[in-house]
C-alpha atoms as a PDB file:
ATOM      1  CA  UNK A   1     -11.548   5.839  17.719  1.00  0.00           C
ATOM      2  CA  UNK A   2     -12.211   4.686  14.446  1.00  0.00           C
ATOM      3  CA  UNK A   3      -9.234   3.911  12.903  1.00  0.00           C
ATOM      4  CA  UNK A   4      -8.508   3.744   9.013  1.00  0.00           C
ATOM      5  CA  UNK A   5      -5.384   1.933   7.617  1.00  0.00           C
ATOM      6  CA  UNK A   6      -3.097   3.482   5.715  1.00  0.00           C
ATOM      7  CA  UNK A   7      -4.496   4.914   2.219  1.00  0.00           C
ATOM      8  CA  UNK A   8      -1.495   4.024   0.153  1.00  0.00           C
ATOM      9  CA  UNK A   9       1.997   2.805   0.596  1.00  0.00           C
ATOM     10  CA  UNK A  10       5.009   2.489  -1.614  1.00  0.00           C
ATOM     11  CA  UNK A  11       7.356   0.574   0.276  1.00  0.00           C
ATOM     12  CA  UNK A  12      10.740   1.014  -1.368  1.00  0.00           C
ATOM     13  CA  UNK A  13      13.273   1.358  -4.398  1.00  0.00           C
ATOM     14  CA  UNK A  14      14.858  -2.079  -4.689  1.00  0.00           C
ATOM     15  CA  UNK A  15      18.093  -2.608  -6.259  1.00  0.00           C
ATOM     16  CA  UNK A  16      20.223  -5.639  -5.665  1.00  0.00           C
ATOM     17  CA  UNK A  17      22.298  -4.355  -2.579  1.00  0.00           C
ATOM     18  CA  UNK A  18      20.164  -4.072   0.290  1.00  0.00           C
ATOM     19  CA  UNK A  19      21.244  -1.711   3.361  1.00  0.00           C
ATOM     20  CA  UNK A  20      19.670  -1.668   7.092  1.00  0.00           C
ATOM     21  CA  UNK A  21      20.128   1.285   8.514  1.00  0.00           C
ATOM     22  CA  UNK A  22      19.666   1.526  12.287  1.00  0.00           C
ATOM     23  CA  UNK A  23      17.314   4.436  12.405  1.00  0.00           C
ATOM     24  CA  UNK A  24      15.451   6.771  10.089  1.00  0.00           C
ATOM     25  CA  UNK A  25      15.649  10.708  11.250  1.00  0.00           C
ATOM     26  CA  UNK A  26      12.471  12.383  11.798  1.00  0.00           C
ATOM     27  CA  UNK A  27      12.078  16.444  12.321  1.00  0.00           C
ATOM     28  CA  UNK A  28      10.326  17.141  15.528  1.00  0.00           C
ATOM     29  CA  UNK A  29       7.829  19.554  13.785  1.00  0.00           C
ATOM     30  CA  UNK A  30       5.801  18.453  10.754  1.00  0.00           C
ATOM     31  CA  UNK A  31       4.820  20.357   8.059  1.00  0.00           C
ATOM     32  CA  UNK A  32       1.678  21.550   6.573  1.00  0.00           C
ATOM     33  CA  UNK A  33       0.720  21.667   2.965  1.00  0.00           C
ATOM     34  CA  UNK A  34      -1.338  24.518   1.278  1.00  0.00           C
ATOM     35  CA  UNK A  35      -5.088  24.260   2.228  1.00  0.00           C
ATOM     36  CA  UNK A  36      -4.262  22.333   5.764  1.00  0.00           C
ATOM     37  CA  UNK A  37      -4.379  25.025   8.294  1.00  0.00           C
ATOM     38  CA  UNK A  38      -2.761  24.542  11.910  1.00  0.00           C
ATOM     39  CA  UNK A  39      -4.962  24.812  15.029  1.00  0.00           C
ATOM     40  CA  UNK A  40      -3.033  27.124  17.282  1.00  0.00           C
ATOM     41  CA  UNK A  41      -2.199  26.025  20.649  1.00  0.00           C
ATOM     42  CA  UNK A  42      -2.906  22.323  20.547  1.00  0.00           C
ATOM     43  CA  UNK A  43       0.586  21.030  19.760  1.00  0.00           C
ATOM     44  CA  UNK A  44      -0.857  18.142  18.794  1.00  0.00           C
ATOM     45  CA  UNK A  45       1.934  17.573  16.142  1.00  0.00           C
ATOM     46  CA  UNK A  46       4.561  16.865  19.249  1.00  0.00           C
ATOM     47  CA  UNK A  47       2.713  14.064  20.346  1.00  0.00           C
ATOM     48  CA  UNK A  48       2.362  12.637  16.984  1.00  0.00           C
ATOM     49  CA  UNK A  49       6.393  12.541  16.581  1.00  0.00           C
ATOM     50  CA  UNK A  50       6.979  11.393  20.129  1.00  0.00           C
ATOM     51  CA  UNK A  51       4.385   8.283  19.740  1.00  0.00           C
ATOM     52  CA  UNK A  52       6.124   7.575  16.152  1.00  0.00           C
ATOM     53  CA  UNK A  53       9.627   7.300  17.774  1.00  0.00           C
ATOM     54  CA  UNK A  54       8.316   5.266  20.529  1.00  0.00           C
ATOM     55  CA  UNK A  55       6.499   2.828  18.610  1.00  0.00           C
ATOM     56  CA  UNK A  56       9.116   2.463  15.918  1.00  0.00           C
ATOM     57  CA  UNK A  57      11.035   0.346  18.029  1.00  0.00           C
ATOM     58  CA  UNK A  58      14.164   2.426  17.753  1.00  0.00           C
ATOM     59  CA  UNK A  59      13.717   2.787  14.032  1.00  0.00           C
ATOM     60  CA  UNK A  60      13.131   6.288  14.493  1.00  0.00           C
ATOM     61  CA  UNK A  61      15.303   9.215  15.666  1.00  0.00           C
ATOM     62  CA  UNK A  62      14.869  12.760  15.793  1.00  0.00           C
ATOM     63  CA  UNK A  63      16.886  14.918  13.504  1.00  0.00           C
ATOM     64  CA  UNK A  64      19.997  16.204  14.584  1.00  0.00           C
ATOM     65  CA  UNK A  65      21.323  19.855  13.485  1.00  0.00           C
ATOM     66  CA  UNK A  66      22.384  19.375  10.699  1.00  0.00           C
ATOM     67  CA  UNK A  67      20.407  16.398   9.492  1.00  0.00           C
ATOM     68  CA  UNK A  68      22.779  13.127   9.079  1.00  0.00           C
ATOM     69  CA  UNK A  69      23.767  12.808   4.968  1.00  0.00           C
ATOM     70  CA  UNK A  70      24.047   9.176   5.538  1.00  0.00           C
ATOM     71  CA  UNK A  71      20.604   8.499   7.198  1.00  0.00           C
ATOM     72  CA  UNK A  72      17.464   8.411   5.248  1.00  0.00           C
ATOM     73  CA  UNK A  73      15.068  11.095   6.394  1.00  0.00           C
ATOM     74  CA  UNK A  74      11.366  10.709   7.173  1.00  0.00           C
ATOM     75  CA  UNK A  75       9.476  13.919   6.719  1.00  0.00           C
ATOM     76  CA  UNK A  76       6.091  14.430   7.773  1.00  0.00           C
ATOM     77  CA  UNK A  77       3.333  16.466   6.250  1.00  0.00           C
ATOM     78  CA  UNK A  78      -0.069  17.289   7.490  1.00  0.00           C
ATOM     79  CA  UNK A  79      -2.361  16.923   4.147  1.00  0.00           C
ATOM     80  CA  UNK A  80      -5.786  17.617   5.648  1.00  0.00           C
ATOM     81  CA  UNK A  81      -6.928  18.813   9.321  1.00  0.00           C
ATOM     82  CA  UNK A  82     -10.528  19.179   9.681  1.00  0.00           C
ATOM     83  CA  UNK A  83     -12.561  19.862  12.556  1.00  0.00           C
ATOM     84  CA  UNK A  84     -16.570  19.610  12.240  1.00  0.00           C
ATOM     85  CA  UNK A  85     -18.813  20.518  14.805  1.00  0.00           C
ATOM     86  CA  UNK A  86     -22.036  18.816  14.666  1.00  0.00           C
ATOM     87  CA  UNK A  87     -25.570  18.923  16.476  1.00  0.00           C
ATOM     88  CA  UNK A  88     -23.915  16.845  19.396  1.00  0.00           C
ATOM     89  CA  UNK A  89     -20.481  15.844  18.439  1.00  0.00           C
ATOM     90  CA  UNK A  90     -17.573  17.486  16.964  1.00  0.00           C
ATOM     91  CA  UNK A  91     -15.499  15.335  14.417  1.00  0.00           C
ATOM     92  CA  UNK A  92     -11.622  15.814  13.889  1.00  0.00           C
ATOM     93  CA  UNK A  93     -10.171  14.338  10.773  1.00  0.00           C
ATOM     94  CA  UNK A  94      -6.121  14.238  10.252  1.00  0.00           C
ATOM     95  CA  UNK A  95      -4.256  13.004   7.308  1.00  0.00           C
ATOM     96  CA  UNK A  96      -0.742  12.941   7.314  1.00  0.00           C
ATOM     97  CA  UNK A  97       1.690  11.947   4.902  1.00  0.00           C
ATOM     98  CA  UNK A  98       4.989  10.107   5.820  1.00  0.00           C
ATOM     99  CA  UNK A  99       7.663  10.093   3.285  1.00  0.00           C
ATOM    100  CA  UNK A 100      11.478   8.341   3.338  1.00  0.00           C
ATOM    101  CA  UNK A 101      13.994   9.588   1.508  1.00  0.00           C
ATOM    102  CA  UNK A 102      17.784   9.236   0.882  1.00  0.00           C
ATOM    103  CA  UNK A 103      20.153  11.764  -1.103  1.00  0.00           C
ATOM    104  CA  UNK A 104      17.238  13.540  -2.588  1.00  0.00           C
ATOM    105  CA  UNK A 105      15.651  10.073  -3.837  1.00  0.00           C
ATOM    106  CA  UNK A 106      12.351   8.939  -2.542  1.00  0.00           C
ATOM    107  CA  UNK A 107      12.213   5.648  -1.186  1.00  0.00           C
ATOM    108  CA  UNK A 108       8.735   5.202   0.370  1.00  0.00           C
ATOM    109  CA  UNK A 109       5.445   7.191   1.041  1.00  0.00           C
ATOM    110  CA  UNK A 110       2.525   6.476   2.984  1.00  0.00           C
ATOM    111  CA  UNK A 111      -0.474   8.323   4.007  1.00  0.00           C
ATOM    112  CA  UNK A 112      -2.389   7.805   7.301  1.00  0.00           C
ATOM    113  CA  UNK A 113      -5.937   9.101   8.300  1.00  0.00           C
ATOM    114  CA  UNK A 114      -7.693   8.771  11.509  1.00  0.00           C
ATOM    115  CA  UNK A 115     -10.882  10.348  12.768  1.00  0.00           C
ATOM    116  CA  UNK A 116     -12.284  10.935  16.242  1.00  0.00           C
ATOM    117  CA  UNK A 117     -15.877  12.182  16.974  1.00  0.00           C
ATOM    118  CA  UNK A 118     -16.538  13.665  20.218  1.00  0.00           C
ATOM    119  CA  UNK A 119     -19.194  15.248  22.368  1.00  0.00           C
ATOM    120  CA  UNK A 120     -19.139  19.122  21.577  1.00  0.00           C
ATOM    121  CA  UNK A 121     -18.435  20.018  25.231  1.00  0.00           C
ATOM    122  CA  UNK A 122     -15.247  17.766  25.009  1.00  0.00           C
ATOM    123  CA  UNK A 123     -14.081  18.694  21.528  1.00  0.00           C
ATOM    124  CA  UNK A 124     -10.757  20.599  20.954  1.00  0.00           C
ATOM    125  CA  UNK A 125      -7.152  20.119  21.687  1.00  0.00           C
ATOM    126  CA  UNK A 126      -7.611  16.779  23.524  1.00  0.00           C
ATOM    127  CA  UNK A 127      -9.408  15.062  20.731  1.00  0.00           C
ATOM    128  CA  UNK A 128      -6.703  16.173  18.164  1.00  0.00           C
ATOM    129  CA  UNK A 129      -3.887  14.903  20.392  1.00  0.00           C
ATOM    130  CA  UNK A 130      -5.805  11.609  20.517  1.00  0.00           C
ATOM    131  CA  UNK A 131      -5.740  11.548  17.068  1.00  0.00           C
ATOM    132  CA  UNK A 132      -2.038  12.568  16.615  1.00  0.00           C
ATOM    133  CA  UNK A 133      -1.044   9.729  18.808  1.00  0.00           C
ATOM    134  CA  UNK A 134      -2.807   7.290  16.776  1.00  0.00           C
ATOM    135  CA  UNK A 135      -1.185   8.408  13.600  1.00  0.00           C
ATOM    136  CA  UNK A 136       2.200   8.378  15.280  1.00  0.00           C
ATOM    137  CA  UNK A 137       1.888   5.086  16.910  1.00  0.00           C
ATOM    138  CA  UNK A 138       0.793   3.868  13.031  1.00  0.00           C
ATOM    139  CA  UNK A 139       3.613   5.767  11.387  1.00  0.00           C
ATOM    140  CA  UNK A 140       6.079   4.233  13.905  1.00  0.00           C
ATOM    141  CA  UNK A 141       4.619   0.558  13.608  1.00  0.00           C
ATOM    142  CA  UNK A 142       5.100   1.084   9.651  1.00  0.00           C
ATOM    143  CA  UNK A 143       8.891   2.090  10.215  1.00  0.00           C
ATOM    144  CA  UNK A 144       9.487  -0.888  12.523  1.00  0.00           C
ATOM    145  CA  UNK A 145       8.164  -3.419  10.099  1.00  0.00           C
ATOM    146  CA  UNK A 146       9.653  -1.962   7.075  1.00  0.00           C
ATOM    147  CA  UNK A 147      13.121  -2.758   5.612  1.00  0.00           C
ATOM    148  CA  UNK A 148      14.053  -0.171   2.832  1.00  0.00           C
ATOM    149  CA  UNK A 149      16.543  -0.636   0.316  1.00  0.00           C
ATOM    150  CA  UNK A 150      19.596   0.929  -0.650  1.00  0.00           C
ATOM    151  CA  UNK A 151      18.787   3.199  -4.000  1.00  0.00           C
ATOM    152  CA  UNK A 152      22.045   3.188  -5.935  1.00  0.00           C
ATOM    153  CA  UNK A 153      22.980   5.250  -8.880  1.00  0.00           C
ATOM    154  CA  UNK A 154      20.877   3.651 -11.142  1.00  0.00           C
ATOM    155  CA  UNK A 155      17.548   4.182  -9.082  1.00  0.00           C
ATOM    156  CA  UNK A 156      16.128   7.508  -9.245  1.00  0.00           C
ATOM    157  CA  UNK A 157      13.432   6.824  -6.448  1.00  0.00           C
ATOM    158  CA  UNK A 158       9.993   5.941  -6.780  1.00  0.00           C
ATOM    159  CA  UNK A 159       7.046   8.019  -8.489  1.00  0.00           C
ATOM    160  CA  UNK A 160       3.907   7.262  -6.001  1.00  0.00           C
ATOM    161  CA  UNK A 161       1.653   9.567  -8.076  1.00  0.00           C
ATOM    162  CA  UNK A 162       1.964   8.028 -11.388  1.00  0.00           C
ATOM    163  CA  UNK A 163      -0.665   5.508 -12.875  1.00  0.00           C
ATOM    164  CA  UNK A 164       0.198   1.853 -12.442  1.00  0.00           C
ATOM    165  CA  UNK A 165       0.111   0.379 -15.583  1.00  0.00           C
ATOM    166  CA  UNK A 166      -0.744  -3.573 -16.131  1.00  0.00           C
ATOM    167  CA  UNK A 167      -1.364  -5.531 -19.055  1.00  0.00           C
ATOM    168  CA  UNK A 168      -5.376  -6.754 -20.185  1.00  0.00           C
ATOM    169  CA  UNK A 169      -4.301 -10.119 -19.068  1.00  0.00           C
ATOM    170  CA  UNK A 170      -2.447 -11.863 -16.534  1.00  0.00           C
ATOM    171  CA  UNK A 171       0.326 -13.500 -17.908  1.00  0.00           C
ATOM    172  CA  UNK A 172       0.493 -17.483 -18.223  1.00  0.00           C
ATOM    173  CA  UNK A 173       3.387 -19.065 -16.276  1.00  0.00           C
ATOM    174  CA  UNK A 174       3.630 -21.894 -18.898  1.00  0.00           C
ATOM    175  CA  UNK A 175       1.106 -23.749 -21.690  1.00  0.00           C
ATOM    176  CA  UNK A 176       0.482 -25.738 -18.955  1.00  0.00           C
ATOM    177  CA  UNK A 177      -0.484 -23.322 -16.506  1.00  0.00           C
ATOM    178  CA  UNK A 178      -4.236 -23.903 -17.058  1.00  0.00           C
ATOM    179  CA  UNK A 179      -6.330 -26.294 -18.743  1.00  0.00           C
ATOM    180  CA  UNK A 180      -8.690 -25.311 -22.017  1.00  0.00           C
ATOM    181  CA  UNK A 181     -11.983 -24.559 -19.918  1.00  0.00           C
ATOM    182  CA  UNK A 182     -10.262 -22.454 -17.430  1.00  0.00           C
ATOM    183  CA  UNK A 183      -8.447 -20.804 -20.511  1.00  0.00           C
ATOM    184  CA  UNK A 184     -11.043 -20.289 -22.950  1.00  0.00           C
ATOM    185  CA  UNK A 185     -14.268 -20.907 -20.993  1.00  0.00           C
ATOM    186  CA  UNK A 186     -13.376 -19.225 -17.705  1.00  0.00           C
ATOM    187  CA  UNK A 187     -11.324 -16.629 -19.076  1.00  0.00           C
ATOM    188  CA  UNK A 188      -9.186 -16.582 -16.051  1.00  0.00           C
ATOM    189  CA  UNK A 189      -6.488 -14.192 -17.411  1.00  0.00           C
ATOM    190  CA  UNK A 190      -8.622 -11.170 -18.373  1.00  0.00           C
ATOM    191  CA  UNK A 191     -10.888 -12.051 -15.271  1.00  0.00           C
ATOM    192  CA  UNK A 192      -8.108 -11.698 -13.049  1.00  0.00           C
ATOM    193  CA  UNK A 193      -7.346  -8.033 -14.224  1.00  0.00           C
ATOM    194  CA  UNK A 194     -10.665  -6.760 -14.553  1.00  0.00           C
ATOM    195  CA  UNK A 195     -11.321  -7.551 -11.233  1.00  0.00           C
ATOM    196  CA  UNK A 196      -8.305  -6.426  -9.711  1.00  0.00           C
ATOM    197  CA  UNK A 197      -8.358  -3.187 -11.474  1.00  0.00           C
ATOM    198  CA  UNK A 198     -12.128  -2.297 -10.176  1.00  0.00           C
ATOM    199  CA  UNK A 199     -11.045  -3.708  -6.464  1.00  0.00           C
ATOM    200  CA  UNK A 200      -8.263  -1.851  -6.189  1.00  0.00           C
ATOM    201  CA  UNK A 201      -9.785   1.607  -7.992  1.00  0.00           C
ATOM    202  CA  UNK A 202     -12.961   1.466  -6.224  1.00  0.00           C
ATOM    203  CA  UNK A 203     -11.506   1.220  -2.698  1.00  0.00           C
ATOM    204  CA  UNK A 204     -12.562   4.135  -0.121  1.00  0.00           C
ATOM    205  CA  UNK A 205     -10.603   6.426   0.421  1.00  0.00           C
ATOM    206  CA  UNK A 206      -9.246   6.232  -3.109  1.00  0.00           C
ATOM    207  CA  UNK A 207      -5.716   5.146  -3.956  1.00  0.00           C
ATOM    208  CA  UNK A 208      -3.124   7.857  -4.698  1.00  0.00           C
ATOM    209  CA  UNK A 209      -2.859   6.748  -8.045  1.00  0.00           C
ATOM    210  CA  UNK A 210      -5.050   4.655 -10.148  1.00  0.00           C
ATOM    211  CA  UNK A 211      -4.140   1.113 -11.441  1.00  0.00           C
ATOM    212  CA  UNK A 212      -5.138   1.121 -15.643  1.00  0.00           C
ATOM    213  CA  UNK A 213      -4.987  -2.228 -17.730  1.00  0.00           C
ATOM    214  CA  UNK A 214      -3.374  -1.263 -21.167  1.00  0.00           C
ATOM    215  CA  UNK A 215      -3.110  -3.745 -24.350  1.00  0.00           C
ATOM    216  CA  UNK A 216       0.668  -3.471 -24.554  1.00  0.00           C
ATOM    217  CA  UNK A 217       3.857  -5.820 -23.883  1.00  0.00           C
ATOM    218  CA  UNK A 218       3.741  -5.007 -20.073  1.00  0.00           C
ATOM    219  CA  UNK A 219       7.304  -6.803 -19.737  1.00  0.00           C
ATOM    220  CA  UNK A 220       8.679  -4.026 -21.974  1.00  0.00           C
ATOM    221  CA  UNK A 221       6.874  -0.995 -20.326  1.00  0.00           C
ATOM    222  CA  UNK A 222       9.184   1.143 -19.062  1.00  0.00           C
ATOM    223  CA  UNK A 223       7.162   3.015 -16.471  1.00  0.00           C
ATOM    224  CA  UNK A 224       5.212   2.253 -13.171  1.00  0.00           C
ATOM    225  CA  UNK A 225       3.798  -1.507 -13.927  1.00  0.00           C
ATOM    226  CA  UNK A 226       2.459  -4.575 -12.630  1.00  0.00           C
ATOM    227  CA  UNK A 227       3.626  -7.811 -14.023  1.00  0.00           C
ATOM    228  CA  UNK A 228       0.797 -10.226 -12.921  1.00  0.00           C
ATOM    229  CA  UNK A 229       1.201 -13.872 -13.278  1.00  0.00           C
ATOM    230  CA  UNK A 230      -1.036 -16.806 -13.170  1.00  0.00           C
ATOM    231  CA  UNK A 231       1.224 -19.383 -12.342  1.00  0.00           C
ATOM    232  CA  UNK A 232      -1.224 -22.494 -12.032  1.00  0.00           C
ATOM    233  CA  UNK A 233      -4.617 -23.073 -11.436  1.00  0.00           C
ATOM    234  CA  UNK A 234      -6.254 -26.649 -10.644  1.00  0.00           C
ATOM    235  CA  UNK A 235      -9.832 -26.773 -11.769  1.00  0.00           C
ATOM    236  CA  UNK A 236     -10.926 -30.086 -13.148  1.00  0.00           C
ATOM    237  CA  UNK A 237     -14.401 -30.114 -14.854  1.00  0.00           C
ATOM    238  CA  UNK A 238     -17.340 -31.326 -12.735  1.00  0.00           C
ATOM    239  CA  UNK A 239     -17.972 -28.412 -10.265  1.00  0.00           C
ATOM    240  CA  UNK A 240     -18.506 -29.669  -6.775  1.00  0.00           C
ATOM    241  CA  UNK A 241     -17.938 -33.157  -7.950  1.00  0.00           C
ATOM    242  CA  UNK A 242     -14.622 -32.919  -9.019  1.00  0.00           C
ATOM    243  CA  UNK A 243     -13.071 -32.007  -5.629  1.00  0.00           C
ATOM    244  CA  UNK A 244     -11.193 -28.699  -4.580  1.00  0.00           C
ATOM    245  CA  UNK A 245     -10.069 -26.377  -6.938  1.00  0.00           C
ATOM    246  CA  UNK A 246      -6.833 -24.006  -6.403  1.00  0.00           C
ATOM    247  CA  UNK A 247      -5.040 -21.185  -7.972  1.00  0.00           C
ATOM    248  CA  UNK A 248      -1.795 -19.723  -7.566  1.00  0.00           C
ATOM    249  CA  UNK A 249      -0.598 -16.460  -8.638  1.00  0.00           C
ATOM    250  CA  UNK A 250       2.448 -14.046  -8.439  1.00  0.00           C
ATOM    251  CA  UNK A 251       3.314 -10.273  -9.476  1.00  0.00           C
ATOM    252  CA  UNK A 252       6.039  -7.721  -9.191  1.00  0.00           C
ATOM    253  CA  UNK A 253       5.907  -3.824  -9.047  1.00  0.00           C
ATOM    254  CA  UNK A 254       8.189  -1.844 -11.024  1.00  0.00           C
ATOM    255  CA  UNK A 255       9.175   1.689 -10.947  1.00  0.00           C
ATOM    256  CA  UNK A 256      11.519   2.037 -13.679  1.00  0.00           C
ATOM    257  CA  UNK A 257      14.538  -0.201 -13.597  1.00  0.00           C
ATOM    258  CA  UNK A 258      13.979  -1.031  -9.868  1.00  0.00           C
ATOM    259  CA  UNK A 259      11.533  -3.856  -8.841  1.00  0.00           C
ATOM    260  CA  UNK A 260       9.704  -2.127  -5.748  1.00  0.00           C
ATOM    261  CA  UNK A 261       7.600  -4.850  -4.521  1.00  0.00           C
ATOM    262  CA  UNK A 262       6.877  -8.466  -5.222  1.00  0.00           C
ATOM    263  CA  UNK A 263       4.233 -11.227  -3.999  1.00  0.00           C
ATOM    264  CA  UNK A 264       3.184 -14.986  -4.209  1.00  0.00           C
ATOM    265  CA  UNK A 265      -0.641 -15.982  -3.428  1.00  0.00           C
ATOM    266  CA  UNK A 266      -2.583 -19.235  -2.792  1.00  0.00           C
ATOM    267  CA  UNK A 267      -6.297 -19.374  -2.927  1.00  0.00           C
ATOM    268  CA  UNK A 268      -8.598 -22.383  -2.880  1.00  0.00           C
ATOM    269  CA  UNK A 269     -12.219 -22.858  -4.032  1.00  0.00           C
ATOM    270  CA  UNK A 270     -14.552 -25.815  -2.355  1.00  0.00           C
ATOM    271  CA  UNK A 271     -17.869 -24.274  -3.502  1.00  0.00           C
ATOM    272  CA  UNK A 272     -19.387 -23.338  -6.912  1.00  0.00           C
ATOM    273  CA  UNK A 273     -21.800 -25.302  -9.051  1.00  0.00           C
ATOM    274  CA  UNK A 274     -19.243 -24.952 -12.205  1.00  0.00           C
ATOM    275  CA  UNK A 275     -15.798 -25.076 -12.733  1.00  0.00           C
ATOM    276  CA  UNK A 276     -15.932 -21.290 -13.905  1.00  0.00           C
ATOM    277  CA  UNK A 277     -17.811 -20.486 -10.790  1.00  0.00           C
ATOM    278  CA  UNK A 278     -15.292 -21.808  -8.685  1.00  0.00           C
ATOM    279  CA  UNK A 279     -12.806 -19.964 -10.635  1.00  0.00           C
ATOM    280  CA  UNK A 280     -14.597 -16.593 -10.339  1.00  0.00           C
ATOM    281  CA  UNK A 281     -14.717 -17.324  -6.623  1.00  0.00           C
ATOM    282  CA  UNK A 282     -10.535 -17.310  -6.506  1.00  0.00           C
ATOM    283  CA  UNK A 283     -10.267 -14.762  -8.553  1.00  0.00           C
ATOM    284  CA  UNK A 284     -12.113 -12.410  -6.498  1.00  0.00           C
ATOM    285  CA  UNK A 285     -10.452 -13.768  -3.498  1.00  0.00           C
ATOM    286  CA  UNK A 286      -6.860 -13.319  -5.082  1.00  0.00           C
ATOM    287  CA  UNK A 287      -8.007  -9.558  -6.295  1.00  0.00           C
ATOM    288  CA  UNK A 288      -9.287  -8.576  -2.844  1.00  0.00           C
ATOM    289  CA  UNK A 289      -5.442  -9.977  -1.427  1.00  0.00           C
ATOM    290  CA  UNK A 290      -3.528  -8.142  -4.066  1.00  0.00           C
ATOM    291  CA  UNK A 291      -5.208  -5.015  -3.911  1.00  0.00           C
ATOM    292  CA  UNK A 292      -4.539  -5.029  -0.101  1.00  0.00           C
ATOM    293  CA  UNK A 293      -0.757  -5.661  -0.725  1.00  0.00           C
ATOM    294  CA  UNK A 294      -0.708  -3.111  -3.716  1.00  0.00           C
ATOM    295  CA  UNK A 295      -1.996  -0.358  -1.365  1.00  0.00           C
ATOM    296  CA  UNK A 296       0.772  -1.289   1.031  1.00  0.00           C
ATOM    297  CA  UNK A 297       3.503  -3.126  -1.360  1.00  0.00           C
ATOM    298  CA  UNK A 298       6.401  -4.919   0.134  1.00  0.00           C
ATOM    299  CA  UNK A 299       9.003  -7.450  -1.393  1.00  0.00           C
ATOM    300  CA  UNK A 300       8.504 -10.955  -0.883  1.00  0.00           C
ATOM    301  CA  UNK A 301       5.216 -10.918   0.334  1.00  0.00           C
ATOM    302  CA  UNK A 302       3.412 -14.278   1.068  1.00  0.00           C
ATOM    303  CA  UNK A 303      -0.317 -13.440   0.644  1.00  0.00           C
ATOM    304  CA  UNK A 304      -2.990 -14.716   2.743  1.00  0.00           C
END
C-alpha cells in the first residue's frame, strides 16, 4: 500500500491553561459528506474506527450514549471514496477528515488519505477494508501523539479554511541578527518568505488553506497568521574558505488571540561557492522543514 501523509493538520487552540484528557470520544460510524457515496455491504468504516481506537494507546474511546459533555469529541467524515477500475488493476482511494472539538469549539482537524491498487479479480471490499485499517491507524497515531489545549472563554476555536497570512519579510530578531551582506545582498528576509510560500502552496495534494504574503505589520494582524523570525545567520564572506554557515529561525502560528503552534529550527551549510549561495541553501532547507511543520503544526516543535 502506498501511504500518503496527512494533508493538513491544525493541532490545537492554545491558551495559557493546558488540560490533558484521558481520551477523546469517537462515534462508531463515520459520516459521509455530500458527494462521497458509501459502498454498501463492505463495512470498512467499522474497521477504520476499531484500528484508530487500538492504535491510539487509550487516547480514543467509543462514544457513549449520550456523549460526555466534558470530553472532547473526535468526529470522522468521509470526504472522498473513489473506486476506479483499470485494465488490470482497480484503484481504491479514501480521504477521511478527523476533527476534534470540545463544547462546540474546533480544536484540531486533519485529513488522511490512503490508496490501494489491486488486481481486478481481488478488488472490492477487502481492498477498502485495508484502506480503512491504514487510515484508522494513522488517526490513532495522530491522537496518541497530540496533546490538545483547553480552549477557554477567550478562545473561539480554530479556522482551518482561513488563509494563513505572513509578512513579505521575515522579522529579524535584532539589529545584529544578520550582517549587511546577508541582509542586503542575499536578502534573507524576503527569500525566506517567498521560498516558504511557494514550497507550502505547491505541495501535492494542495493544502486546505493557502499561505499568503502581505505587506502588513504581521504582529498586528488579527486573523490567522504566521509570524516568522530569523534569529541569527552566521555567514561570513568568503564562501567555502570562511568555514561553515548556520541559521536559526523560529515562528508562531496564531488564530485570533490564540497561539496554535510554534517552532525553532537550526540549519547549516558547508557548500556554496559564495556566501549568498550558502544562505540560499539554508533558506531552502528551512522552507522545506517549516512547510512540513505548517502542514502538521504543533507547539514548541524543534524541527530537523
